[in-house]
Amino acid sequence: MQKQIFIALFALMGISAGVVAQTATPEINRTQTEQQRRIHEGAATGQLTRHEVKKLEKQQRKIERDKLKAKSDGVVTRHERRHIQKEQEKAARKIYKEKHDAQVRR
């Protein structure tokens, strides 16, 4: 009896690990964290105006919504992952552009 319970628990853990692996997005999460850090740093140093921060944060929220939507069915497909990565690349360029323009917060 104990052997059957052990086997059932082991099988359940294996299935759970498979689902987590299919929805894991460590590279996307790392990029998202780094972009948030860059935005907050730019706001703190005055490189970004309040309006720029607001726009960049809105862009980050959209990426987060897209990531959660991709994970909602239990599998993040290659297409969904690439779409999110392209959005992050666009956001990275926007962050750079806004931090290095002539506008500064006073």
PDB file of N, CA and C in Angstrom:
ATOM      1  N   MET A   1       0.820  -1.194   0.000  1.00  0.00           N
ATOM      2  CA  MET A   1       0.000   0.000   0.000  1.00  0.00           C
ATOM      3  C   MET A   1       0.868   1.264   0.000  1.00  0.00           C
ATOM      4  N   GLN A   2       1.889   1.287   0.881  1.00  0.00           N
ATOM      5  CA  GLN A   2       2.764   2.446   0.935  1.00  0.00           C
ATOM      6  C   GLN A   2       3.529   2.612  -0.370  1.00  0.00           C
ATOM      7  N   LYS A   3       3.888   1.499  -0.971  1.00  0.00           N
ATOM      8  CA  LYS A   3       4.628   1.546  -2.236  1.00  0.00           C
ATOM      9  C   LYS A   3       3.773   2.196  -3.324  1.00  0.00           C
ATOM     10  N   GLN A   4       2.488   1.869  -3.362  1.00  0.00           N
ATOM     11  CA  GLN A   4       1.588   2.449  -4.352  1.00  0.00           C
ATOM     12  C   GLN A   4       1.414   3.950  -4.137  1.00  0.00           C
ATOM     13  N   ILE A   5       1.309   4.359  -2.884  1.00  0.00           N
ATOM     14  CA  ILE A   5       1.177   5.784  -2.578  1.00  0.00           C
ATOM     15  C   ILE A   5       2.448   6.518  -2.985  1.00  0.00           C
ATOM     16  N   PHE A   6       3.601   5.923  -2.673  1.00  0.00           N
ATOM     17  CA  PHE A   6       4.871   6.528  -3.034  1.00  0.00           C
ATOM     18  C   PHE A   6       4.987   6.694  -4.546  1.00  0.00           C
ATOM     19  N   ILE A   7       4.618   5.648  -5.290  1.00  0.00           N
ATOM     20  CA  ILE A   7       4.683   5.704  -6.756  1.00  0.00           C
ATOM     21  C   ILE A   7       3.732   6.775  -7.289  1.00  0.00           C
ATOM     22  N   ALA A   8       2.538   6.860  -6.721  1.00  0.00           N
ATOM     23  CA  ALA A   8       1.567   7.864  -7.169  1.00  0.00           C
ATOM     24  C   ALA A   8       2.084   9.282  -6.905  1.00  0.00           C
ATOM     25  N   LEU A   9       2.653   9.504  -5.730  1.00  0.00           N
ATOM     26  CA  LEU A   9       3.205  10.820  -5.406  1.00  0.00           C
ATOM     27  C   LEU A   9       4.373  11.169  -6.317  1.00  0.00           C
ATOM     28  N   PHE A  10       5.227  10.200  -6.568  1.00  0.00           N
ATOM     29  CA  PHE A  10       6.374  10.420  -7.440  1.00  0.00           C
ATOM     30  C   PHE A  10       5.924  10.774  -8.855  1.00  0.00           C
ATOM     31  N   ALA A  11       4.907  10.068  -9.350  1.00  0.00           N
ATOM     32  CA  ALA A  11       4.377  10.346 -10.685  1.00  0.00           C
ATOM     33  C   ALA A  11       3.754  11.741 -10.738  1.00  0.00           C
ATOM     34  N   LEU A  12       3.039  12.114  -9.696  1.00  0.00           N
ATOM     35  CA  LEU A  12       2.414  13.433  -9.634  1.00  0.00           C
ATOM     36  C   LEU A  12       3.466  14.538  -9.629  1.00  0.00           C
ATOM     37  N   MET A  13       4.554  14.330  -8.892  1.00  0.00           N
ATOM     38  CA  MET A  13       5.633  15.317  -8.874  1.00  0.00           C
ATOM     39  C   MET A  13       6.264  15.440 -10.254  1.00  0.00           C
ATOM     40  N   GLY A  14       6.418  14.355 -10.963  1.00  0.00           N
ATOM     41  CA  GLY A  14       6.983  14.376 -12.311  1.00  0.00           C
ATOM     42  C   GLY A  14       6.109  15.146 -13.280  1.00  0.00           C
ATOM     43  N   ILE A  15       4.806  14.944 -13.179  1.00  0.00           N
ATOM     44  CA  ILE A  15       3.867  15.667 -14.044  1.00  0.00           C
ATOM     45  C   ILE A  15       3.915  17.154 -13.733  1.00  0.00           C
ATOM     46  N   SER A  16       3.933  17.511 -12.449  1.00  0.00           N
ATOM     47  CA  SER A  16       3.990  18.918 -12.052  1.00  0.00           C
ATOM     48  C   SER A  16       5.257  19.583 -12.561  1.00  0.00           C
ATOM     49  N   ALA A  17       6.390  18.879 -12.464  1.00  0.00           N
ATOM     50  CA  ALA A  17       7.657  19.444 -12.940  1.00  0.00           C
ATOM     51  C   ALA A  17       7.607  19.682 -14.444  1.00  0.00           C
ATOM     52  N   GLY A  18       6.949  18.796 -15.179  1.00  0.00           N
ATOM     53  CA  GLY A  18       6.830  18.966 -16.627  1.00  0.00           C
ATOM     54  C   GLY A  18       6.031  20.194 -16.991  1.00  0.00           C
ATOM     55  N   VAL A  19       4.963  20.456 -16.269  1.00  0.00           N
ATOM     56  CA  VAL A  19       4.132  21.628 -16.527  1.00  0.00           C
ATOM     57  C   VAL A  19       4.908  22.904 -16.219  1.00  0.00           C
ATOM     58  N   VAL A  20       5.639  22.916 -15.114  1.00  0.00           N
ATOM     59  CA  VAL A  20       6.425  24.095 -14.752  1.00  0.00           C
ATOM     60  C   VAL A  20       7.486  24.363 -15.810  1.00  0.00           C
ATOM     61  N   ALA A  21       8.118  23.314 -16.304  1.00  0.00           N
ATOM     62  CA  ALA A  21       9.168  23.489 -17.305  1.00  0.00           C
ATOM     63  C   ALA A  21       8.610  24.084 -18.590  1.00  0.00           C
ATOM     64  N   GLN A  22       7.379  23.770 -18.929  1.00  0.00           N
ATOM     65  CA  GLN A  22       6.794  24.273 -20.165  1.00  0.00           C
ATOM     66  C   GLN A  22       6.392  25.738 -20.056  1.00  0.00           C
ATOM     67  N   THR A  23       6.156  26.209 -18.852  1.00  0.00           N
ATOM     68  CA  THR A  23       5.750  27.603 -18.695  1.00  0.00           C
ATOM     69  C   THR A  23       6.863  28.461 -18.101  1.00  0.00           C
ATOM     70  N   ALA A  24       8.005  27.886 -17.831  1.00  0.00           N
ATOM     71  CA  ALA A  24       9.111  28.647 -17.255  1.00  0.00           C
ATOM     72  C   ALA A  24       9.658  29.632 -18.294  1.00  0.00           C
ATOM     73  N   THR A  25       9.878  30.845 -17.848  1.00  0.00           N
ATOM     74  CA  THR A  25      10.412  31.881 -18.733  1.00  0.00           C
ATOM     75  C   THR A  25      11.539  32.632 -18.027  1.00  0.00           C
ATOM     76  N   PRO A  26      12.601  31.940 -17.644  1.00  0.00           N
ATOM     77  CA  PRO A  26      13.652  32.600 -16.858  1.00  0.00           C
ATOM     78  C   PRO A  26      14.351  33.739 -17.598  1.00  0.00           C
ATOM     79  N   GLU A  27      14.592  33.586 -18.877  1.00  0.00           N
ATOM     80  CA  GLU A  27      15.276  34.644 -19.637  1.00  0.00           C
ATOM     81  C   GLU A  27      14.378  35.871 -19.774  1.00  0.00           C
ATOM     82  N   ILE A  28      13.109  35.639 -20.014  1.00  0.00           N
ATOM     83  CA  ILE A  28      12.152  36.737 -20.113  1.00  0.00           C
ATOM     84  C   ILE A  28      12.047  37.452 -18.768  1.00  0.00           C
ATOM     85  N   ASN A  29      11.981  36.680 -17.682  1.00  0.00           N
ATOM     86  CA  ASN A  29      11.898  37.264 -16.339  1.00  0.00           C
ATOM     87  C   ASN A  29      13.140  38.089 -16.026  1.00  0.00           C
ATOM     88  N   ARG A  30      14.316  37.568 -16.381  1.00  0.00           N
ATOM     89  CA  ARG A  30      15.566  38.280 -16.117  1.00  0.00           C
ATOM     90  C   ARG A  30      15.601  39.597 -16.874  1.00  0.00           C
ATOM     91  N   THR A  31      15.204  39.556 -18.137  1.00  0.00           N
ATOM     92  CA  THR A  31      15.177  40.768 -18.957  1.00  0.00           C
ATOM     93  C   THR A  31      14.193  41.782 -18.382  1.00  0.00           C
ATOM     94  N   GLN A  32      13.037  41.289 -17.965  1.00  0.00           N
ATOM     95  CA  GLN A  32      12.016  42.170 -17.404  1.00  0.00           C
ATOM     96  C   GLN A  32      12.526  42.852 -16.130  1.00  0.00           C
ATOM     97  N   THR A  33      13.189  42.100 -15.277  1.00  0.00           N
ATOM     98  CA  THR A  33      13.741  42.657 -14.047  1.00  0.00           C
ATOM     99  C   THR A  33      14.802  43.711 -14.358  1.00  0.00           C
ATOM    100  N   GLU A  34      15.646  43.412 -15.324  1.00  0.00           N
ATOM    101  CA  GLU A  34      16.706  44.351 -15.715  1.00  0.00           C
ATOM    102  C   GLU A  34      16.112  45.639 -16.289  1.00  0.00           C
ATOM    103  N   GLN A  35      15.077  45.519 -17.099  1.00  0.00           N
ATOM    104  CA  GLN A  35      14.451  46.711 -17.674  1.00  0.00           C
ATOM    105  C   GLN A  35      13.798  47.556 -16.589  1.00  0.00           C
ATOM    106  N   GLN A  36      13.152  46.913 -15.624  1.00  0.00           N
ATOM    107  CA  GLN A  36      12.558  47.659 -14.509  1.00  0.00           C
ATOM    108  C   GLN A  36      13.641  48.415 -13.743  1.00  0.00           C
ATOM    109  N   ARG A  37      14.789  47.759 -13.524  1.00  0.00           N
ATOM    110  CA  ARG A  37      15.893  48.400 -12.820  1.00  0.00           C
ATOM    111  C   ARG A  37      16.377  49.629 -13.587  1.00  0.00           C
ATOM    112  N   ARG A  38      16.501  49.502 -14.908  1.00  0.00           N
ATOM    113  CA  ARG A  38      16.964  50.617 -15.736  1.00  0.00           C
ATOM    114  C   ARG A  38      15.983  51.786 -15.690  1.00  0.00           C
ATOM    115  N   ILE A  39      14.687  51.487 -15.691  1.00  0.00           N
ATOM    116  CA  ILE A  39      13.670  52.546 -15.627  1.00  0.00           C
ATOM    117  C   ILE A  39      13.755  53.272 -14.286  1.00  0.00           C
ATOM    118  N   HIS A  40      13.825  52.515 -13.199  1.00  0.00           N
ATOM    119  CA  HIS A  40      13.890  53.130 -11.875  1.00  0.00           C
ATOM    120  C   HIS A  40      15.185  53.921 -11.687  1.00  0.00           C
ATOM    121  N   GLU A  41      16.265  53.409 -12.231  1.00  0.00           N
ATOM    122  CA  GLU A  41      17.543  54.117 -12.163  1.00  0.00           C
ATOM    123  C   GLU A  41      17.457  55.448 -12.920  1.00  0.00           C
ATOM    124  N   GLY A  42      16.854  55.404 -14.108  1.00  0.00           N
ATOM    125  CA  GLY A  42      16.698  56.625 -14.911  1.00  0.00           C
ATOM    126  C   GLY A  42      15.818  57.648 -14.221  1.00  0.00           C
ATOM    127  N   ALA A  43      14.780  57.167 -13.526  1.00  0.00           N
ATOM    128  CA  ALA A  43      13.906  58.080 -12.789  1.00  0.00           C
ATOM    129  C   ALA A  43      14.653  58.699 -11.609  1.00  0.00           C
ATOM    130  N   ALA A  44      15.451  57.884 -10.929  1.00  0.00           N
ATOM    131  CA  ALA A  44      16.174  58.361  -9.751  1.00  0.00           C
ATOM    132  C   ALA A  44      17.259  59.378 -10.113  1.00  0.00           C
ATOM    133  N   THR A  45      17.892  59.189 -11.258  1.00  0.00           N
ATOM    134  CA  THR A  45      18.978  60.093 -11.647  1.00  0.00           C
ATOM    135  C   THR A  45      18.481  61.306 -12.423  1.00  0.00           C
ATOM    136  N   GLY A  46      17.210  61.313 -12.786  1.00  0.00           N
ATOM    137  CA  GLY A  46      16.669  62.444 -13.535  1.00  0.00           C
ATOM    138  C   GLY A  46      16.826  62.297 -15.040  1.00  0.00           C
ATOM    139  N   GLN A  47      17.360  61.173 -15.495  1.00  0.00           N
ATOM    140  CA  GLN A  47      17.496  60.957 -16.934  1.00  0.00           C
ATOM    141  C   GLN A  47      16.143  60.766 -17.612  1.00  0.00           C
ATOM    142  N   LEU A  48      15.149  60.325 -16.827  1.00  0.00           N
ATOM    143  CA  LEU A  48      13.802  60.127 -17.361  1.00  0.00           C
ATOM    144  C   LEU A  48      12.845  61.099 -16.699  1.00  0.00           C
ATOM    145  N   THR A  49      11.984  61.712 -17.505  1.00  0.00           N
ATOM    146  CA  THR A  49      10.946  62.578 -16.953  1.00  0.00           C
ATOM    147  C   THR A  49       9.819  61.700 -16.416  1.00  0.00           C
ATOM    148  N   ARG A  50       8.923  62.291 -15.656  1.00  0.00           N
ATOM    149  CA  ARG A  50       7.783  61.528 -15.127  1.00  0.00           C
ATOM    150  C   ARG A  50       6.940  60.954 -16.263  1.00  0.00           C
ATOM    151  N   HIS A  51       6.761  61.730 -17.295  1.00  0.00           N
ATOM    152  CA  HIS A  51       5.975  61.280 -18.441  1.00  0.00           C
ATOM    153  C   HIS A  51       6.646  60.084 -19.124  1.00  0.00           C
ATOM    154  N   GLU A  52       7.960  60.149 -19.285  1.00  0.00           N
ATOM    155  CA  GLU A  52       8.692  59.033 -19.903  1.00  0.00           C
ATOM    156  C   GLU A  52       8.590  57.768 -19.048  1.00  0.00           C
ATOM    157  N   VAL A  53       8.712  57.940 -17.734  1.00  0.00           N
ATOM    158  CA  VAL A  53       8.604  56.793 -16.828  1.00  0.00           C
ATOM    159  C   VAL A  53       7.213  56.168 -16.957  1.00  0.00           C
ATOM    160  N   LYS A  54       6.210  57.008 -17.018  1.00  0.00           N
ATOM    161  CA  LYS A  54       4.835  56.526 -17.129  1.00  0.00           C
ATOM    162  C   LYS A  54       4.651  55.704 -18.412  1.00  0.00           C
ATOM    163  N   LYS A  55       5.168  56.205 -19.524  1.00  0.00           N
ATOM    164  CA  LYS A  55       5.062  55.491 -20.802  1.00  0.00           C
ATOM    165  C   LYS A  55       5.818  54.160 -20.756  1.00  0.00           C
ATOM    166  N   LEU A  56       7.023  54.181 -20.197  1.00  0.00           N
ATOM    167  CA  LEU A  56       7.833  52.961 -20.139  1.00  0.00           C
ATOM    168  C   LEU A  56       7.202  51.915 -19.216  1.00  0.00           C
ATOM    169  N   GLU A  57       6.632  52.359 -18.109  1.00  0.00           N
ATOM    170  CA  GLU A  57       5.960  51.435 -17.188  1.00  0.00           C
ATOM    171  C   GLU A  57       4.733  50.810 -17.855  1.00  0.00           C
ATOM    172  N   LYS A  58       4.024  51.603 -18.643  1.00  0.00           N
ATOM    173  CA  LYS A  58       2.859  51.084 -19.362  1.00  0.00           C
ATOM    174  C   LYS A  58       3.291  49.991 -20.338  1.00  0.00           C
ATOM    175  N   GLN A  59       4.403  50.212 -21.016  1.00  0.00           N
ATOM    176  CA  GLN A  59       4.945  49.229 -21.951  1.00  0.00           C
ATOM    177  C   GLN A  59       5.330  47.947 -21.197  1.00  0.00           C
ATOM    178  N   GLN A  60       5.912  48.084 -20.008  1.00  0.00           N
ATOM    179  CA  GLN A  60       6.288  46.927 -19.198  1.00  0.00           C
ATOM    180  C   GLN A  60       5.055  46.146 -18.742  1.00  0.00           C
ATOM    181  N   ARG A  61       3.981  46.849 -18.398  1.00  0.00           N
ATOM    182  CA  ARG A  61       2.745  46.170 -17.992  1.00  0.00           C
ATOM    183  C   ARG A  61       2.162  45.356 -19.140  1.00  0.00           C
ATOM    184  N   LYS A  62       2.248  45.885 -20.358  1.00  0.00           N
ATOM    185  CA  LYS A  62       1.744  45.145 -21.516  1.00  0.00           C
ATOM    186  C   LYS A  62       2.556  43.866 -21.723  1.00  0.00           C
ATOM    187  N   ILE A  63       3.856  43.954 -21.579  1.00  0.00           N
ATOM    188  CA  ILE A  63       4.703  42.770 -21.724  1.00  0.00           C
ATOM    189  C   ILE A  63       4.333  41.740 -20.655  1.00  0.00           C
ATOM    190  N   GLU A  64       4.116  42.189 -19.437  1.00  0.00           N
ATOM    191  CA  GLU A  64       3.731  41.279 -18.348  1.00  0.00           C
ATOM    192  C   GLU A  64       2.389  40.619 -18.649  1.00  0.00           C
ATOM    193  N   ARG A  65       1.419  41.389 -19.146  1.00  0.00           N
ATOM    194  CA  ARG A  65       0.116  40.806 -19.506  1.00  0.00           C
ATOM    195  C   ARG A  65       0.280  39.758 -20.592  1.00  0.00           C
ATOM    196  N   ASP A  66       1.105  40.054 -21.602  1.00  0.00           N
ATOM    197  CA  ASP A  66       1.332  39.100 -22.684  1.00  0.00           C
ATOM    198  C   ASP A  66       1.991  37.825 -22.166  1.00  0.00           C
ATOM    199  N   LYS A  67       2.916  37.985 -21.219  1.00  0.00           N
ATOM    200  CA  LYS A  67       3.588  36.823 -20.639  1.00  0.00           C
ATOM    201  C   LYS A  67       2.584  35.956 -19.871  1.00  0.00           C
ATOM    202  N   LEU A  68       1.737  36.587 -19.067  1.00  0.00           N
ATOM    203  CA  LEU A  68       0.738  35.844 -18.303  1.00  0.00           C
ATOM    204  C   LEU A  68      -0.271  35.163 -19.223  1.00  0.00           C
ATOM    205  N   LYS A  69      -0.639  35.828 -20.296  1.00  0.00           N
ATOM    206  CA  LYS A  69      -1.564  35.228 -21.270  1.00  0.00           C
ATOM    207  C   LYS A  69      -0.921  34.013 -21.928  1.00  0.00           C
ATOM    208  N   ALA A  70       0.365  34.115 -22.256  1.00  0.00           N
ATOM    209  CA  ALA A  70       1.062  32.991 -22.878  1.00  0.00           C
ATOM    210  C   ALA A  70       1.135  31.797 -21.923  1.00  0.00           C
ATOM    211  N   LYS A  71       1.300  32.077 -20.636  1.00  0.00           N
ATOM    212  CA  LYS A  71       1.398  31.005 -19.640  1.00  0.00           C
ATOM    213  C   LYS A  71       0.043  30.416 -19.268  1.00  0.00           C
ATOM    214  N   SER A  72      -1.033  31.115 -19.565  1.00  0.00           N
ATOM    215  CA  SER A  72      -2.359  30.729 -19.079  1.00  0.00           C
ATOM    216  C   SER A  72      -2.817  29.344 -19.539  1.00  0.00           C
ATOM    217  N   ASP A  73      -2.372  28.897 -20.699  1.00  0.00           N
ATOM    218  CA  ASP A  73      -2.797  27.575 -21.175  1.00  0.00           C
ATOM    219  C   ASP A  73      -1.831  26.467 -20.768  1.00  0.00           C
ATOM    220  N   GLY A  74      -0.801  26.813 -19.999  1.00  0.00           N
ATOM    221  CA  GLY A  74       0.121  25.806 -19.498  1.00  0.00           C
ATOM    222  C   GLY A  74       1.347  25.583 -20.351  1.00  0.00           C
ATOM    223  N   VAL A  75       1.394  26.186 -21.535  1.00  0.00           N
ATOM    224  CA  VAL A  75       2.540  26.016 -22.429  1.00  0.00           C
ATOM    225  C   VAL A  75       2.869  27.355 -23.066  1.00  0.00           C
ATOM    226  N   VAL A  76       4.130  27.740 -22.979  1.00  0.00           N
ATOM    227  CA  VAL A  76       4.579  28.941 -23.686  1.00  0.00           C
ATOM    228  C   VAL A  76       5.233  28.448 -24.971  1.00  0.00           C
ATOM    229  N   THR A  77       4.545  28.664 -26.090  1.00  0.00           N
ATOM    230  CA  THR A  77       5.048  28.175 -27.372  1.00  0.00           C
ATOM    231  C   THR A  77       6.242  28.995 -27.834  1.00  0.00           C
ATOM    232  N   ARG A  78       6.957  28.465 -28.788  1.00  0.00           N
ATOM    233  CA  ARG A  78       8.103  29.173 -29.365  1.00  0.00           C
ATOM    234  C   ARG A  78       7.654  30.519 -29.944  1.00  0.00           C
ATOM    235  N   HIS A  79       6.500  30.524 -30.602  1.00  0.00           N
ATOM    236  CA  HIS A  79       5.968  31.758 -31.195  1.00  0.00           C
ATOM    237  C   HIS A  79       5.664  32.795 -30.106  1.00  0.00           C
ATOM    238  N   GLU A  80       4.996  32.363 -29.016  1.00  0.00           N
ATOM    239  CA  GLU A  80       4.672  33.285 -27.924  1.00  0.00           C
ATOM    240  C   GLU A  80       5.943  33.824 -27.273  1.00  0.00           C
ATOM    241  N   ARG A  81       6.910  32.932 -27.063  1.00  0.00           N
ATOM    242  CA  ARG A  81       8.177  33.333 -26.440  1.00  0.00           C
ATOM    243  C   ARG A  81       8.883  34.362 -27.314  1.00  0.00           C
ATOM    244  N   ARG A  82       8.908  34.139 -28.625  1.00  0.00           N
ATOM    245  CA  ARG A  82       9.572  35.069 -29.552  1.00  0.00           C
ATOM    246  C   ARG A  82       8.859  36.419 -29.585  1.00  0.00           C
ATOM    247  N   HIS A  83       7.522  36.383 -29.540  1.00  0.00           N
ATOM    248  CA  HIS A  83       6.740  37.618 -29.532  1.00  0.00           C
ATOM    249  C   HIS A  83       7.095  38.463 -28.305  1.00  0.00           C
ATOM    250  N   ILE A  84       7.163  37.825 -27.139  1.00  0.00           N
ATOM    251  CA  ILE A  84       7.498  38.534 -25.906  1.00  0.00           C
ATOM    252  C   ILE A  84       8.926  39.076 -25.974  1.00  0.00           C
ATOM    253  N   GLN A  85       9.835  38.276 -26.501  1.00  0.00           N
ATOM    254  CA  GLN A  85      11.225  38.726 -26.625  1.00  0.00           C
ATOM    255  C   GLN A  85      11.338  39.929 -27.551  1.00  0.00           C
ATOM    256  N   LYS A  86      10.585  39.928 -28.647  1.00  0.00           N
ATOM    257  CA  LYS A  86      10.600  41.072 -29.563  1.00  0.00           C
ATOM    258  C   LYS A  86      10.054  42.328 -28.868  1.00  0.00           C
ATOM    259  N   GLU A  87       8.998  42.145 -28.068  1.00  0.00           N
ATOM    260  CA  GLU A  87       8.468  43.288 -27.311  1.00  0.00           C
ATOM    261  C   GLU A  87       9.517  43.815 -26.335  1.00  0.00           C
ATOM    262  N   GLN A  88      10.252  42.909 -25.702  1.00  0.00           N
ATOM    263  CA  GLN A  88      11.289  43.330 -24.759  1.00  0.00           C
ATOM    264  C   GLN A  88      12.437  44.041 -25.475  1.00  0.00           C
ATOM    265  N   GLU A  89      12.781  43.569 -26.657  1.00  0.00           N
ATOM    266  CA  GLU A  89      13.833  44.238 -27.428  1.00  0.00           C
ATOM    267  C   GLU A  89      13.411  45.659 -27.789  1.00  0.00           C
ATOM    268  N   LYS A  90      12.153  45.805 -28.184  1.00  0.00           N
ATOM    269  CA  LYS A  90      11.620  47.128 -28.513  1.00  0.00           C
ATOM    270  C   LYS A  90      11.631  48.025 -27.277  1.00  0.00           C
ATOM    271  N   ALA A  91      11.249  47.455 -26.129  1.00  0.00           N
ATOM    272  CA  ALA A  91      11.242  48.217 -24.881  1.00  0.00           C
ATOM    273  C   ALA A  91      12.662  48.641 -24.500  1.00  0.00           C
ATOM    274  N   ALA A  92      13.629  47.765 -24.703  1.00  0.00           N
ATOM    275  CA  ALA A  92      15.021  48.087 -24.371  1.00  0.00           C
ATOM    276  C   ALA A  92      15.510  49.266 -25.198  1.00  0.00           C
ATOM    277  N   ARG A  93      15.175  49.270 -26.481  1.00  0.00           N
ATOM    278  CA  ARG A  93      15.561  50.392 -27.340  1.00  0.00           C
ATOM    279  C   ARG A  93      14.888  51.685 -26.879  1.00  0.00           C
ATOM    280  N   LYS A  94      13.624  51.582 -26.490  1.00  0.00           N
ATOM    281  CA  LYS A  94      12.873  52.757 -26.035  1.00  0.00           C
ATOM    282  C   LYS A  94      13.467  53.305 -24.734  1.00  0.00           C
ATOM    283  N   ILE A  95      13.821  52.415 -23.811  1.00  0.00           N
ATOM    284  CA  ILE A  95      14.428  52.843 -22.552  1.00  0.00           C
ATOM    285  C   ILE A  95      15.729  53.584 -22.842  1.00  0.00           C
ATOM    286  N   TYR A  96      16.560  53.006 -23.699  1.00  0.00           N
ATOM    287  CA  TYR A  96      17.836  53.642 -24.050  1.00  0.00           C
ATOM    288  C   TYR A  96      17.599  55.021 -24.657  1.00  0.00           C
ATOM    289  N   LYS A  97      16.684  55.074 -25.613  1.00  0.00           N
ATOM    290  CA  LYS A  97      16.402  56.334 -26.303  1.00  0.00           C
ATOM    291  C   LYS A  97      15.927  57.410 -25.325  1.00  0.00           C
ATOM    292  N   GLU A  98      15.018  57.042 -24.432  1.00  0.00           N
ATOM    293  CA  GLU A  98      14.474  58.016 -23.484  1.00  0.00           C
ATOM    294  C   GLU A  98      15.526  58.447 -22.450  1.00  0.00           C
ATOM    295  N   LYS A  99      16.381  57.522 -22.045  1.00  0.00           N
ATOM    296  CA  LYS A  99      17.400  57.882 -21.054  1.00  0.00           C
ATOM    297  C   LYS A  99      18.484  58.789 -21.639  1.00  0.00           C
ATOM    298  N   HIS A 100      18.682  58.702 -22.963  1.00  0.00           N
ATOM    299  CA  HIS A 100      19.771  59.454 -23.563  1.00  0.00           C
ATOM    300  C   HIS A 100      19.312  60.636 -24.408  1.00  0.00           C
ATOM    301  N   ASP A 101      18.034  60.990 -24.303  1.00  0.00           N
ATOM    302  CA  ASP A 101      17.591  62.192 -25.013  1.00  0.00           C
ATOM    303  C   ASP A 101      17.924  63.424 -24.168  1.00  0.00           C
ATOM    304  N   ALA A 102      17.626  64.566 -24.703  1.00  0.00           N
ATOM    305  CA  ALA A 102      18.017  65.814 -24.045  1.00  0.00           C
ATOM    306  C   ALA A 102      17.107  66.198 -22.882  1.00  0.00           C
ATOM    307  N   GLN A 103      15.977  65.517 -22.744  1.00  0.00           N
ATOM    308  CA  GLN A 103      15.037  65.860 -21.671  1.00  0.00           C
ATOM    309  C   GLN A 103      15.545  65.345 -20.332  1.00  0.00           C
ATOM    310  N   VAL A 104      15.418  66.171 -19.323  1.00  0.00           N
ATOM    311  CA  VAL A 104      15.778  65.766 -17.969  1.00  0.00           C
ATOM    312  C   VAL A 104      14.692  66.237 -17.022  1.00  0.00           C
ATOM    313  N   ARG A 105      14.530  65.495 -15.933  1.00  0.00           N
ATOM    314  CA  ARG A 105      13.559  65.904 -14.925  1.00  0.00           C
ATOM    315  C   ARG A 105      14.173  67.008 -14.081  1.00  0.00           C
ATOM    316  N   ARG A 106      13.414  68.010 -13.817  1.00  0.00           N
ATOM    317  CA  ARG A 106      13.917  69.145 -13.014  1.00  0.00           C
ATOM    318  C   ARG A 106      13.417  69.060 -11.610  1.00  0.00           C
TER     319      ARG A 106
END
